[in-house]
C-alpha atoms as a PDB file:
ATOM      1  CA  UNK A   1      59.226  47.291 -44.219  1.00  0.00           C
ATOM      2  CA  UNK A   2      58.345  43.981 -42.970  1.00  0.00           C
ATOM      3  CA  UNK A   3      57.923  43.440 -39.647  1.00  0.00           C
ATOM      4  CA  UNK A   4      59.159  40.277 -38.173  1.00  0.00           C
ATOM      5  CA  UNK A   5      55.691  39.689 -36.618  1.00  0.00           C
ATOM      6  CA  UNK A   6      54.742  39.838 -40.769  1.00  0.00           C
ATOM      7  CA  UNK A   7      57.216  37.388 -41.766  1.00  0.00           C
ATOM      8  CA  UNK A   8      56.598  34.516 -39.920  1.00  0.00           C
ATOM      9  CA  UNK A   9      52.891  34.923 -40.495  1.00  0.00           C
ATOM     10  CA  UNK A  10      53.321  35.091 -44.441  1.00  0.00           C
ATOM     11  CA  UNK A  11      55.888  32.097 -43.963  1.00  0.00           C
ATOM     12  CA  UNK A  12      52.538  30.152 -42.514  1.00  0.00           C
ATOM     13  CA  UNK A  13      50.017  31.429 -44.784  1.00  0.00           C
ATOM     14  CA  UNK A  14      52.327  29.649 -48.066  1.00  0.00           C
ATOM     15  CA  UNK A  15      56.162  29.517 -48.176  1.00  0.00           C
ATOM     16  CA  UNK A  16      56.374  26.452 -45.452  1.00  0.00           C
ATOM     17  CA  UNK A  17      54.246  24.142 -47.824  1.00  0.00           C
ATOM     18  CA  UNK A  18      56.782  25.008 -50.344  1.00  0.00           C
ATOM     19  CA  UNK A  19      59.759  24.243 -48.981  1.00  0.00           C
ATOM     20  CA  UNK A  20      60.828  20.199 -48.832  1.00  0.00           C
ATOM     21  CA  UNK A  21      64.637  20.888 -46.497  1.00  0.00           C
ATOM     22  CA  UNK A  22      64.001  20.782 -42.834  1.00  0.00           C
ATOM     23  CA  UNK A  23      66.681  22.209 -42.112  1.00  0.00           C
ATOM     24  CA  UNK A  24      65.738  25.423 -44.001  1.00  0.00           C
ATOM     25  CA  UNK A  25      61.807  25.553 -42.352  1.00  0.00           C
ATOM     26  CA  UNK A  26      64.369  25.187 -38.262  1.00  0.00           C
ATOM     27  CA  UNK A  27      67.078  27.995 -39.722  1.00  0.00           C
ATOM     28  CA  UNK A  28      63.558  30.050 -40.722  1.00  0.00           C
ATOM     29  CA  UNK A  29      61.929  29.727 -37.112  1.00  0.00           C
ATOM     30  CA  UNK A  30      64.940  29.614 -35.248  1.00  0.00           C
ATOM     31  CA  UNK A  31      64.384  33.045 -35.084  1.00  0.00           C
ATOM     32  CA  UNK A  32      61.285  33.217 -33.215  1.00  0.00           C
ATOM     33  CA  UNK A  33      60.291  31.979 -29.604  1.00  0.00           C
ATOM     34  CA  UNK A  34      58.791  28.852 -29.355  1.00  0.00           C
ATOM     35  CA  UNK A  35      55.842  30.115 -28.335  1.00  0.00           C
ATOM     36  CA  UNK A  36      55.659  32.585 -31.074  1.00  0.00           C
ATOM     37  CA  UNK A  37      56.068  29.442 -33.136  1.00  0.00           C
ATOM     38  CA  UNK A  38      53.731  27.393 -31.813  1.00  0.00           C
ATOM     39  CA  UNK A  39      51.089  30.478 -32.027  1.00  0.00           C
ATOM     40  CA  UNK A  40      51.413  31.268 -35.503  1.00  0.00           C
ATOM     41  CA  UNK A  41      51.147  27.294 -35.487  1.00  0.00           C
ATOM     42  CA  UNK A  42      47.772  26.812 -33.672  1.00  0.00           C
ATOM     43  CA  UNK A  43      46.356  30.220 -35.591  1.00  0.00           C
ATOM     44  CA  UNK A  44      47.182  28.546 -38.932  1.00  0.00           C
ATOM     45  CA  UNK A  45      45.191  25.419 -38.177  1.00  0.00           C
ATOM     46  CA  UNK A  46      42.441  27.109 -37.219  1.00  0.00           C
ATOM     47  CA  UNK A  47      41.887  29.038 -40.548  1.00  0.00           C
ATOM     48  CA  UNK A  48      42.258  25.992 -42.165  1.00  0.00           C
ATOM     49  CA  UNK A  49      39.308  24.950 -40.222  1.00  0.00           C
ATOM     50  CA  UNK A  50      37.403  27.334 -42.300  1.00  0.00           C
ATOM     51  CA  UNK A  51      37.881  26.136 -45.679  1.00  0.00           C
ATOM     52  CA  UNK A  52      36.802  23.553 -47.797  1.00  0.00           C
ATOM     53  CA  UNK A  53      39.976  21.869 -48.432  1.00  0.00           C
ATOM     54  CA  UNK A  54      41.693  21.476 -45.304  1.00  0.00           C
ATOM     55  CA  UNK A  55      42.704  17.340 -44.995  1.00  0.00           C
ATOM     56  CA  UNK A  56      45.911  17.771 -46.801  1.00  0.00           C
ATOM     57  CA  UNK A  57      47.295  21.139 -46.209  1.00  0.00           C
ATOM     58  CA  UNK A  58      46.962  20.351 -41.859  1.00  0.00           C
ATOM     59  CA  UNK A  59      48.574  16.923 -42.446  1.00  0.00           C
ATOM     60  CA  UNK A  60      51.573  17.905 -44.318  1.00  0.00           C
ATOM     61  CA  UNK A  61      52.305  20.712 -41.138  1.00  0.00           C
ATOM     62  CA  UNK A  62      52.086  17.966 -39.112  1.00  0.00           C
ATOM     63  CA  UNK A  63      54.679  15.947 -41.301  1.00  0.00           C
ATOM     64  CA  UNK A  64      56.294  19.487 -41.000  1.00  0.00           C
ATOM     65  CA  UNK A  65      56.659  19.823 -36.942  1.00  0.00           C
ATOM     66  CA  UNK A  66      56.651  15.968 -36.761  1.00  0.00           C
ATOM     67  CA  UNK A  67      60.306  15.886 -37.681  1.00  0.00           C
ATOM     68  CA  UNK A  68      60.590  18.584 -35.085  1.00  0.00           C
ATOM     69  CA  UNK A  69      58.574  17.170 -32.268  1.00  0.00           C
ATOM     70  CA  UNK A  70      61.180  17.208 -29.719  1.00  0.00           C
ATOM     71  CA  UNK A  71      62.006  21.064 -29.709  1.00  0.00           C
ATOM     72  CA  UNK A  72      58.031  22.222 -29.904  1.00  0.00           C
ATOM     73  CA  UNK A  73      56.270  18.811 -28.001  1.00  0.00           C
ATOM     74  CA  UNK A  74      52.868  20.111 -30.435  1.00  0.00           C
ATOM     75  CA  UNK A  75      51.069  17.097 -29.792  1.00  0.00           C
ATOM     76  CA  UNK A  76      51.102  18.344 -25.276  1.00  0.00           C
ATOM     77  CA  UNK A  77      49.783  21.774 -26.504  1.00  0.00           C
ATOM     78  CA  UNK A  78      47.130  20.733 -28.798  1.00  0.00           C
ATOM     79  CA  UNK A  79      45.636  18.252 -26.510  1.00  0.00           C
ATOM     80  CA  UNK A  80      43.734  20.360 -24.615  1.00  0.00           C
ATOM     81  CA  UNK A  81      42.009  22.089 -27.886  1.00  0.00           C
ATOM     82  CA  UNK A  82      40.888  18.417 -28.830  1.00  0.00           C
ATOM     83  CA  UNK A  83      38.466  18.669 -26.140  1.00  0.00           C
ATOM     84  CA  UNK A  84      36.849  22.737 -26.768  1.00  0.00           C
ATOM     85  CA  UNK A  85      37.583  22.987 -30.631  1.00  0.00           C
ATOM     86  CA  UNK A  86      34.323  22.668 -33.238  1.00  0.00           C
ATOM     87  CA  UNK A  87      34.073  19.758 -35.113  1.00  0.00           C
ATOM     88  CA  UNK A  88      35.152  21.549 -38.178  1.00  0.00           C
ATOM     89  CA  UNK A  89      38.611  22.090 -35.512  1.00  0.00           C
ATOM     90  CA  UNK A  90      38.919  18.589 -34.246  1.00  0.00           C
ATOM     91  CA  UNK A  91      38.608  17.319 -37.822  1.00  0.00           C
ATOM     92  CA  UNK A  92      41.760  19.739 -38.848  1.00  0.00           C
ATOM     93  CA  UNK A  93      43.777  19.230 -35.530  1.00  0.00           C
ATOM     94  CA  UNK A  94      43.465  15.175 -35.897  1.00  0.00           C
ATOM     95  CA  UNK A  95      44.742  15.795 -39.528  1.00  0.00           C
ATOM     96  CA  UNK A  96      47.605  17.435 -38.278  1.00  0.00           C
ATOM     97  CA  UNK A  97      48.314  14.926 -35.514  1.00  0.00           C
ATOM     98  CA  UNK A  98      48.321  12.050 -37.964  1.00  0.00           C
ATOM     99  CA  UNK A  99      50.736  13.410 -40.141  1.00  0.00           C
ATOM    100  CA  UNK A 100      52.735  14.614 -37.009  1.00  0.00           C
ATOM    101  CA  UNK A 101      53.046  11.139 -35.227  1.00  0.00           C
ATOM    102  CA  UNK A 102      54.216   9.675 -38.444  1.00  0.00           C
ATOM    103  CA  UNK A 103      57.434  11.283 -38.248  1.00  0.00           C
ATOM    104  CA  UNK A 104      57.857  12.663 -34.631  1.00  0.00           C
ATOM    105  CA  UNK A 105      57.272  11.423 -31.503  1.00  0.00           C
ATOM    106  CA  UNK A 106      54.544  11.395 -29.697  1.00  0.00           C
ATOM    107  CA  UNK A 107      53.777  11.916 -25.722  1.00  0.00           C
ATOM    108  CA  UNK A 108      52.781   8.409 -24.719  1.00  0.00           C
ATOM    109  CA  UNK A 109      50.175   9.245 -22.404  1.00  0.00           C
ATOM    110  CA  UNK A 110      48.611  11.981 -24.551  1.00  0.00           C
ATOM    111  CA  UNK A 111      47.749   8.713 -27.025  1.00  0.00           C
ATOM    112  CA  UNK A 112      46.650   6.976 -23.769  1.00  0.00           C
ATOM    113  CA  UNK A 113      44.294  10.287 -23.154  1.00  0.00           C
ATOM    114  CA  UNK A 114      43.021  10.611 -27.090  1.00  0.00           C
ATOM    115  CA  UNK A 115      41.845   6.917 -27.124  1.00  0.00           C
ATOM    116  CA  UNK A 116      40.416   7.061 -23.639  1.00  0.00           C
ATOM    117  CA  UNK A 117      38.284  10.280 -24.999  1.00  0.00           C
ATOM    118  CA  UNK A 118      37.304   8.425 -28.068  1.00  0.00           C
ATOM    119  CA  UNK A 119      35.888   5.303 -25.779  1.00  0.00           C
ATOM    120  CA  UNK A 120      34.371   7.762 -24.047  1.00  0.00           C
ATOM    121  CA  UNK A 121      32.530   9.482 -26.811  1.00  0.00           C
ATOM    122  CA  UNK A 122      32.371   5.828 -28.019  1.00  0.00           C
ATOM    123  CA  UNK A 123      30.012   4.647 -24.821  1.00  0.00           C
ATOM    124  CA  UNK A 124      28.747   8.479 -24.948  1.00  0.00           C
ATOM    125  CA  UNK A 125      27.907   9.534 -28.495  1.00  0.00           C
ATOM    126  CA  UNK A 126      27.528  13.201 -28.946  1.00  0.00           C
ATOM    127  CA  UNK A 127      27.625  14.046 -32.800  1.00  0.00           C
ATOM    128  CA  UNK A 128      27.941  18.058 -31.395  1.00  0.00           C
ATOM    129  CA  UNK A 129      31.424  17.075 -30.609  1.00  0.00           C
ATOM    130  CA  UNK A 130      32.409  13.583 -32.786  1.00  0.00           C
ATOM    131  CA  UNK A 131      30.404  12.421 -35.483  1.00  0.00           C
ATOM    132  CA  UNK A 132      31.732   8.999 -37.175  1.00  0.00           C
ATOM    133  CA  UNK A 133      34.247  10.247 -39.226  1.00  0.00           C
ATOM    134  CA  UNK A 134      35.826  12.372 -37.001  1.00  0.00           C
ATOM    135  CA  UNK A 135      35.676   9.297 -34.369  1.00  0.00           C
ATOM    136  CA  UNK A 136      37.102   7.326 -36.848  1.00  0.00           C
ATOM    137  CA  UNK A 137      40.172  10.184 -37.547  1.00  0.00           C
ATOM    138  CA  UNK A 138      40.866  10.047 -34.266  1.00  0.00           C
ATOM    139  CA  UNK A 139      40.907   6.525 -33.884  1.00  0.00           C
ATOM    140  CA  UNK A 140      43.345   6.338 -37.198  1.00  0.00           C
ATOM    141  CA  UNK A 141      45.626   9.238 -35.138  1.00  0.00           C
ATOM    142  CA  UNK A 142      45.883   6.535 -31.977  1.00  0.00           C
ATOM    143  CA  UNK A 143      46.326   3.593 -34.378  1.00  0.00           C
ATOM    144  CA  UNK A 144      49.500   5.402 -36.425  1.00  0.00           C
ATOM    145  CA  UNK A 145      50.743   6.697 -33.562  1.00  0.00           C
ATOM    146  CA  UNK A 146      50.979   3.222 -32.359  1.00  0.00           C
ATOM    147  CA  UNK A 147      52.590   1.783 -35.323  1.00  0.00           C
ATOM    148  CA  UNK A 148      55.026   4.436 -36.278  1.00  0.00           C
ATOM    149  CA  UNK A 149      56.589   4.261 -32.186  1.00  0.00           C
ATOM    150  CA  UNK A 150      55.531   1.194 -31.238  1.00  0.00           C
ATOM    151  CA  UNK A 151      59.132   0.682 -29.358  1.00  0.00           C
ATOM    152  CA  UNK A 152      57.757   3.182 -27.129  1.00  0.00           C
ATOM    153  CA  UNK A 153      54.694   1.696 -25.950  1.00  0.00           C
ATOM    154  CA  UNK A 154      56.526  -1.612 -25.563  1.00  0.00           C
ATOM    155  CA  UNK A 155      58.501   0.298 -22.730  1.00  0.00           C
ATOM    156  CA  UNK A 156      55.825   0.555 -20.204  1.00  0.00           C
ATOM    157  CA  UNK A 157      53.888  -2.747 -21.204  1.00  0.00           C
ATOM    158  CA  UNK A 158      50.856  -1.648 -19.212  1.00  0.00           C
ATOM    159  CA  UNK A 159      49.966   1.276 -20.791  1.00  0.00           C
ATOM    160  CA  UNK A 160      51.247  -0.806 -24.277  1.00  0.00           C
ATOM    161  CA  UNK A 161      48.690  -3.415 -23.476  1.00  0.00           C
ATOM    162  CA  UNK A 162      45.817  -0.687 -22.504  1.00  0.00           C
ATOM    163  CA  UNK A 163      46.618   0.827 -26.173  1.00  0.00           C
ATOM    164  CA  UNK A 164      46.649  -2.564 -27.903  1.00  0.00           C
ATOM    165  CA  UNK A 165      43.358  -3.710 -26.089  1.00  0.00           C
ATOM    166  CA  UNK A 166      40.945  -0.175 -27.100  1.00  0.00           C
ATOM    167  CA  UNK A 167      42.324  -0.616 -30.543  1.00  0.00           C
ATOM    168  CA  UNK A 168      40.646  -3.773 -31.103  1.00  0.00           C
ATOM    169  CA  UNK A 169      37.785  -2.352 -29.281  1.00  0.00           C
ATOM    170  CA  UNK A 170      37.974   0.279 -31.892  1.00  0.00           C
ATOM    171  CA  UNK A 171      38.233  -2.179 -34.691  1.00  0.00           C
ATOM    172  CA  UNK A 172      34.947  -3.937 -33.276  1.00  0.00           C
ATOM    173  CA  UNK A 173      32.802  -1.002 -33.104  1.00  0.00           C
ATOM    174  CA  UNK A 174      34.411   0.492 -36.927  1.00  0.00           C
ATOM    175  CA  UNK A 175      33.249  -3.250 -37.730  1.00  0.00           C
ATOM    176  CA  UNK A 176      29.887  -2.273 -36.904  1.00  0.00           C
ATOM    177  CA  UNK A 177      29.476   1.264 -37.590  1.00  0.00           C
ATOM    178  CA  UNK A 178      32.018   2.584 -40.709  1.00  0.00           C
ATOM    179  CA  UNK A 179      33.570  -0.698 -42.124  1.00  0.00           C
ATOM    180  CA  UNK A 180      34.450   0.783 -44.955  1.00  0.00           C
ATOM    181  CA  UNK A 181      37.067   3.399 -43.464  1.00  0.00           C
ATOM    182  CA  UNK A 182      40.543   3.379 -44.168  1.00  0.00           C
ATOM    183  CA  UNK A 183      41.359   2.600 -40.708  1.00  0.00           C
ATOM    184  CA  UNK A 184      38.890  -0.081 -40.287  1.00  0.00           C
ATOM    185  CA  UNK A 185      41.024  -2.101 -42.888  1.00  0.00           C
ATOM    186  CA  UNK A 186      44.076  -1.159 -41.375  1.00  0.00           C
ATOM    187  CA  UNK A 187      43.053  -2.496 -38.166  1.00  0.00           C
ATOM    188  CA  UNK A 188      41.816  -6.263 -39.447  1.00  0.00           C
ATOM    189  CA  UNK A 189      45.419  -6.374 -40.998  1.00  0.00           C
ATOM    190  CA  UNK A 190      47.113  -5.742 -37.598  1.00  0.00           C
ATOM    191  CA  UNK A 191      44.963  -7.625 -35.283  1.00  0.00           C
ATOM    192  CA  UNK A 192      43.666  -9.794 -37.337  1.00  0.00           C
ATOM    193  CA  UNK A 193      42.079 -12.482 -35.127  1.00  0.00           C
END
């Protein structure tokens, strides 16, 4: 007999990627507490950080959970982990957030905090915590969250303007250090001055 814990772990190991219908996923997950779902998600993300090809699965998980962003608020729960995780885990978490913000409604303060952390790392480089690729990925997450949810940043003009200024600073940074990055090209199109 398969226990409830085994069912949800098995679900996160593969079934979740095979289901296109968000209602089917929601129906399955409603039998579990929010805390259990988040724990299984974080366990899956952590396990992805040890795999060679983790970008797409972590991004797909982000899109799946972005559709349920108002139920789980994964971004606010994941943010503290970005400060204490390994570099590989950070890349998986950022890929997840990239997919999450594509569909989900972000916590605006979390986006600004991620941007502030990136600005700090740029000013105080530490390759063990954020290498150039991770910085570019983090900038991409912030930029995509801004683009997908621009109306949220117009509600609070001070926060919106602050984020736009940081994105322009990130564009200048990437122009010097990583001009071939995808996010640099996106920023050039958005902030072509």
